[in-house]
Amino acid sequence: MKNQRVRLFIEITISSGVILFFAVCYYLGIRHQPGSLWIKSSEVVHWVHVQQPLIVDLREKNEPRDIPFVEDDLIRKPFLSLIETPDSLRIPRDRPILFICSDGNRSRLMATLFHEKGYDTYYLLDGMKRFNQFQEEKKQSL
């Protein structure tokens, strides 16, 4: 009986966390500001070279984390830890910030959140998965 109550408590806690996560994503997604711009996979390498942004990688530890166009100025901060305490991320206001993730959704949400706080934010449209696909397509066409 006690094990069933503990199990039920754990299931409710996990469900509540998932619901809260999607509620925050929905809320931030609806409030997407036009000032938070996206960068296409085909343009990101050149854009990073020209703009010299600070790059914030929001992917979790269990996701592939290679970024072939980044040499330095990279902060790795998993989305789930950052959404709970966004003020824990100390980033400068005097340069562009590029948020990246696997599919572009988390980076869009964080770019919107930080844009609302006055930062010059961008996100990689469709994320690193699409960037990697684009690079493969580019190689095959050569």
Protein backbone atom coordinates (compact mmCIF):
# COMPACT_ATOMS: atom_id res chain seq x y z
CA MET A 1 0.00 0.00 0.00
CA LYS A 2 2.76 2.41 0.95
CA ASN A 3 4.68 1.57 -2.26
CA GLN A 4 1.58 2.37 -4.31
CA ARG A 5 1.22 5.78 -2.65
CA VAL A 6 4.91 6.55 -3.23
CA ARG A 7 4.64 5.44 -6.84
CA LEU A 8 1.50 7.56 -7.34
CA PHE A 9 3.24 10.55 -5.76
CA ILE A 10 6.23 10.14 -8.09
CA GLU A 11 4.00 9.80 -11.16
CA ILE A 12 2.04 12.94 -10.23
CA THR A 13 5.24 14.87 -9.57
CA ILE A 14 6.73 13.89 -12.93
CA SER A 15 3.47 14.63 -14.74
CA SER A 16 3.24 18.04 -13.08
CA GLY A 17 6.79 18.87 -14.16
CA VAL A 18 6.10 17.87 -17.75
CA ILE A 19 2.89 19.89 -17.81
CA LEU A 20 4.67 22.91 -16.36
CA PHE A 21 7.46 22.57 -18.94
CA PHE A 22 5.00 22.55 -21.84
CA ALA A 23 2.99 25.39 -20.33
CA VAL A 24 6.12 27.55 -20.17
CA CYS A 25 7.06 26.57 -23.73
CA TYR A 26 3.57 27.41 -24.98
CA TYR A 27 3.54 30.72 -23.12
CA LEU A 28 6.93 31.80 -24.42
CA GLY A 29 6.20 30.55 -27.92
CA ILE A 30 3.06 32.64 -28.20
CA ARG A 31 4.90 35.72 -27.02
CA HIS A 32 7.71 35.41 -29.57
CA GLN A 33 9.08 38.89 -30.15
CA PRO A 34 10.08 40.10 -33.61
CA GLY A 35 13.41 41.36 -32.23
CA SER A 36 14.59 37.81 -31.54
CA LEU A 37 15.73 36.72 -34.99
CA TRP A 38 16.51 33.34 -36.45
CA ILE A 39 19.57 32.37 -38.44
CA LYS A 40 19.27 29.76 -41.20
CA SER A 41 21.54 26.73 -41.33
CA SER A 42 22.87 27.92 -44.67
CA GLU A 43 23.91 31.28 -43.19
CA VAL A 44 25.06 30.49 -39.65
CA VAL A 45 28.75 29.79 -40.36
CA HIS A 46 29.23 33.11 -42.15
CA TRP A 47 27.05 34.96 -39.63
CA VAL A 48 29.05 33.62 -36.66
CA HIS A 49 32.31 34.61 -38.37
CA VAL A 50 31.09 38.16 -39.05
CA GLN A 51 29.04 38.89 -35.90
CA GLN A 52 31.21 37.07 -33.33
CA PRO A 53 28.27 36.22 -31.05
CA LEU A 54 28.37 34.50 -27.70
CA ILE A 55 26.87 31.06 -28.34
CA VAL A 56 24.70 29.39 -25.72
CA ASP A 57 24.23 25.65 -26.28
CA LEU A 58 20.98 24.54 -24.64
CA ARG A 59 21.27 20.83 -25.42
CA GLU A 60 21.13 18.34 -22.58
CA LYS A 61 24.13 16.19 -21.67
CA ASN A 62 22.66 13.12 -23.36
CA GLU A 63 22.38 14.88 -26.75
CA PRO A 64 25.16 15.12 -29.35
CA ARG A 65 27.00 18.34 -28.60
CA ASP A 66 29.34 18.95 -31.50
CA ILE A 67 29.34 22.44 -33.02
CA PRO A 68 31.67 22.55 -36.02
CA PHE A 69 31.50 26.32 -36.51
CA VAL A 70 32.43 27.29 -32.95
CA GLU A 71 35.95 27.70 -31.72
CA ASP A 72 35.43 29.71 -28.54
CA ASP A 73 32.86 31.94 -26.83
CA LEU A 74 30.58 29.04 -26.01
CA ILE A 75 28.46 28.48 -22.92
CA ARG A 76 26.87 25.08 -22.40
CA LYS A 77 23.77 25.44 -20.24
CA PRO A 78 21.09 22.74 -20.54
CA PHE A 79 17.64 24.16 -21.21
CA LEU A 80 15.94 22.48 -18.24
CA SER A 81 18.39 23.99 -15.77
CA LEU A 82 18.24 27.40 -17.43
CA ILE A 83 14.43 27.61 -17.65
CA GLU A 84 14.27 27.21 -13.86
CA THR A 85 16.82 29.97 -13.17
CA PRO A 86 17.37 32.13 -16.27
CA ASP A 87 19.12 34.82 -14.23
CA SER A 88 21.90 32.34 -13.43
CA LEU A 89 23.25 32.83 -16.95
CA ARG A 90 25.68 35.74 -16.89
CA ILE A 91 25.94 37.03 -20.44
CA PRO A 92 27.05 40.40 -21.78
CA ARG A 93 24.55 42.87 -23.20
CA ASP A 94 27.02 44.43 -25.62
CA ARG A 95 27.15 41.62 -28.19
CA PRO A 96 24.76 39.29 -29.98
CA ILE A 97 23.76 36.02 -28.32
CA LEU A 98 23.07 32.94 -30.47
CA PHE A 99 21.06 30.21 -28.75
CA ILE A 100 21.31 26.72 -30.22
CA CYS A 101 19.66 23.37 -29.52
CA SER A 102 18.90 20.20 -31.43
CA ASP A 103 15.65 21.22 -33.10
CA GLY A 104 15.37 25.01 -32.68
CA ASN A 105 12.44 25.02 -30.27
CA ARG A 106 14.30 25.47 -27.00
CA SER A 107 16.65 28.03 -28.54
CA ARG A 108 13.70 30.02 -29.88
CA LEU A 109 12.11 30.08 -26.43
CA MET A 110 15.30 31.19 -24.69
CA ALA A 111 16.06 33.79 -27.36
CA THR A 112 12.58 35.21 -26.81
CA LEU A 113 12.96 35.21 -23.03
CA PHE A 114 16.33 36.98 -23.13
CA HIS A 115 15.17 39.38 -25.86
CA GLU A 116 12.42 40.50 -23.49
CA LYS A 117 15.16 41.23 -20.93
CA GLY A 118 16.93 43.54 -23.39
CA TYR A 119 19.50 41.26 -25.01
CA ASP A 120 20.29 41.13 -28.75
CA THR A 121 19.28 37.50 -29.31
CA TYR A 122 19.20 35.05 -32.20
CA TYR A 123 18.48 31.36 -32.56
CA LEU A 124 19.44 28.70 -35.08
CA LEU A 125 16.31 27.95 -37.09
CA ASP A 126 15.51 24.21 -36.94
CA GLY A 127 18.54 23.59 -34.73
CA MET A 128 21.72 21.60 -35.06
CA LYS A 129 19.98 18.58 -36.59
CA ARG A 130 18.98 20.68 -39.58
CA PHE A 131 22.42 22.30 -39.71
CA ASN A 132 24.05 18.87 -39.87
CA GLN A 133 21.61 17.77 -42.59
CA PHE A 134 22.40 20.92 -44.54
CA GLN A 135 26.13 20.22 -44.28
CA GLU A 136 25.62 16.64 -45.52
CA GLU A 137 23.51 17.85 -48.46
CA LYS A 138 26.18 20.41 -49.27
CA LYS A 139 28.90 17.74 -49.29
CA GLN A 140 26.87 15.45 -51.53
CA SER A 141 26.23 18.19 -54.06
CA LEU A 142 29.97 18.82 -54.53
